[in-house]
Amino acid sequence: VLGSCEVFEERQVGNERFNIFSGCPSGQTATIVLRGGADQ
């Protein structure tokens, strides 16, 4: 397991998509790895 959160959701605003991580454990640091997808 790389990490945990209570809720993960994807929201679309206009043509942009956002990934929302909520309810993450309290901590001093975080690492987020993002990979861009292909244009569709």
N, C-alpha and C. Protein backbone atom coordinates (compact mmCIF):
# COMPACT_ATOMS: atom_id res chain seq x y z
N VAL A 1 0.85 -1.18 0.00
CA VAL A 1 0.00 0.00 0.00
C VAL A 1 0.89 1.23 0.00
N LEU A 2 0.62 2.15 -0.91
CA LEU A 2 1.41 3.37 -1.00
C LEU A 2 0.89 4.48 -0.09
N GLY A 3 -0.39 4.45 0.22
CA GLY A 3 -0.98 5.49 1.05
C GLY A 3 -2.46 5.21 1.22
N SER A 4 -3.14 6.11 1.89
CA SER A 4 -4.57 5.91 2.09
C SER A 4 -5.29 7.24 2.19
N CYS A 5 -6.57 7.22 1.89
CA CYS A 5 -7.45 8.37 2.08
C CYS A 5 -8.86 7.81 2.25
N GLU A 6 -9.71 8.58 2.87
CA GLU A 6 -11.09 8.13 3.07
C GLU A 6 -11.90 8.20 1.78
N VAL A 7 -11.69 9.27 1.00
CA VAL A 7 -12.48 9.47 -0.22
C VAL A 7 -11.56 9.90 -1.36
N PHE A 8 -11.69 9.25 -2.51
CA PHE A 8 -11.02 9.67 -3.73
C PHE A 8 -12.10 9.94 -4.75
N GLU A 9 -12.07 11.11 -5.39
CA GLU A 9 -13.05 11.41 -6.42
C GLU A 9 -12.41 12.18 -7.56
N GLU A 10 -13.00 12.05 -8.73
CA GLU A 10 -12.55 12.79 -9.90
C GLU A 10 -13.63 13.79 -10.25
N ARG A 11 -13.24 15.06 -10.35
CA ARG A 11 -14.19 16.12 -10.69
C ARG A 11 -13.78 16.74 -12.02
N GLN A 12 -14.78 17.07 -12.83
CA GLN A 12 -14.50 17.73 -14.10
C GLN A 12 -15.05 19.15 -14.03
N VAL A 13 -14.18 20.11 -14.37
CA VAL A 13 -14.55 21.52 -14.42
C VAL A 13 -14.20 22.00 -15.82
N GLY A 14 -15.20 22.24 -16.63
CA GLY A 14 -14.93 22.58 -18.03
C GLY A 14 -14.29 21.39 -18.72
N ASN A 15 -13.14 21.63 -19.34
CA ASN A 15 -12.42 20.55 -20.02
C ASN A 15 -11.33 19.93 -19.15
N GLU A 16 -11.21 20.38 -17.92
CA GLU A 16 -10.15 19.90 -17.02
C GLU A 16 -10.71 18.89 -16.02
N ARG A 17 -9.91 17.85 -15.72
CA ARG A 17 -10.28 16.87 -14.70
C ARG A 17 -9.34 17.02 -13.52
N PHE A 18 -9.89 16.92 -12.32
CA PHE A 18 -9.12 17.05 -11.09
C PHE A 18 -9.36 15.82 -10.22
N ASN A 19 -8.30 15.26 -9.66
CA ASN A 19 -8.40 14.15 -8.71
C ASN A 19 -8.32 14.72 -7.31
N ILE A 20 -9.32 14.42 -6.48
CA ILE A 20 -9.42 14.97 -5.14
C ILE A 20 -9.24 13.84 -4.12
N PHE A 21 -8.26 14.01 -3.23
CA PHE A 21 -8.01 13.06 -2.15
C PHE A 21 -8.46 13.71 -0.85
N SER A 22 -9.44 13.13 -0.17
CA SER A 22 -9.96 13.70 1.08
C SER A 22 -9.79 12.69 2.21
N GLY A 23 -9.68 13.21 3.42
CA GLY A 23 -9.59 12.35 4.60
C GLY A 23 -8.25 11.64 4.70
N CYS A 24 -7.19 12.31 4.27
CA CYS A 24 -5.85 11.72 4.37
C CYS A 24 -5.34 11.83 5.80
N PRO A 25 -4.57 10.85 6.25
CA PRO A 25 -4.01 10.94 7.60
C PRO A 25 -3.14 12.19 7.74
N SER A 26 -3.14 12.75 8.90
CA SER A 26 -2.34 13.93 9.18
C SER A 26 -0.86 13.57 9.11
N GLY A 27 -0.09 14.43 8.48
CA GLY A 27 1.35 14.18 8.36
C GLY A 27 2.07 15.45 7.96
N GLN A 28 3.37 15.42 8.04
CA GLN A 28 4.16 16.60 7.71
C GLN A 28 4.58 16.62 6.24
N THR A 29 4.60 15.48 5.58
CA THR A 29 5.03 15.43 4.19
C THR A 29 4.10 14.55 3.38
N ALA A 30 4.12 14.76 2.08
CA ALA A 30 3.33 13.94 1.17
C ALA A 30 4.06 13.88 -0.17
N THR A 31 3.89 12.77 -0.86
CA THR A 31 4.43 12.62 -2.20
C THR A 31 3.29 12.24 -3.12
N ILE A 32 3.14 12.99 -4.19
CA ILE A 32 2.10 12.71 -5.17
C ILE A 32 2.78 12.50 -6.52
N VAL A 33 2.51 11.38 -7.16
CA VAL A 33 3.08 11.09 -8.47
C VAL A 33 1.96 11.24 -9.50
N LEU A 34 2.17 12.10 -10.48
CA LEU A 34 1.18 12.35 -11.51
C LEU A 34 1.74 11.93 -12.86
N ARG A 35 0.88 11.38 -13.68
CA ARG A 35 1.28 11.02 -15.04
C ARG A 35 0.22 11.54 -15.98
N GLY A 36 0.62 12.32 -16.95
CA GLY A 36 -0.32 12.88 -17.91
C GLY A 36 -0.75 11.83 -18.92
N GLY A 37 -2.01 11.86 -19.29
CA GLY A 37 -2.52 10.94 -20.29
C GLY A 37 -2.42 11.53 -21.68
N ALA A 38 -2.79 10.76 -22.65
CA ALA A 38 -2.76 11.20 -24.04
C ALA A 38 -3.97 12.08 -24.32
N ASP A 39 -3.81 13.00 -25.28
CA ASP A 39 -4.95 13.81 -25.71
C ASP A 39 -5.97 12.90 -26.35
N GLN A 40 -7.24 13.13 -26.02
CA GLN A 40 -8.30 12.28 -26.57
C GLN A 40 -9.19 13.08 -27.47
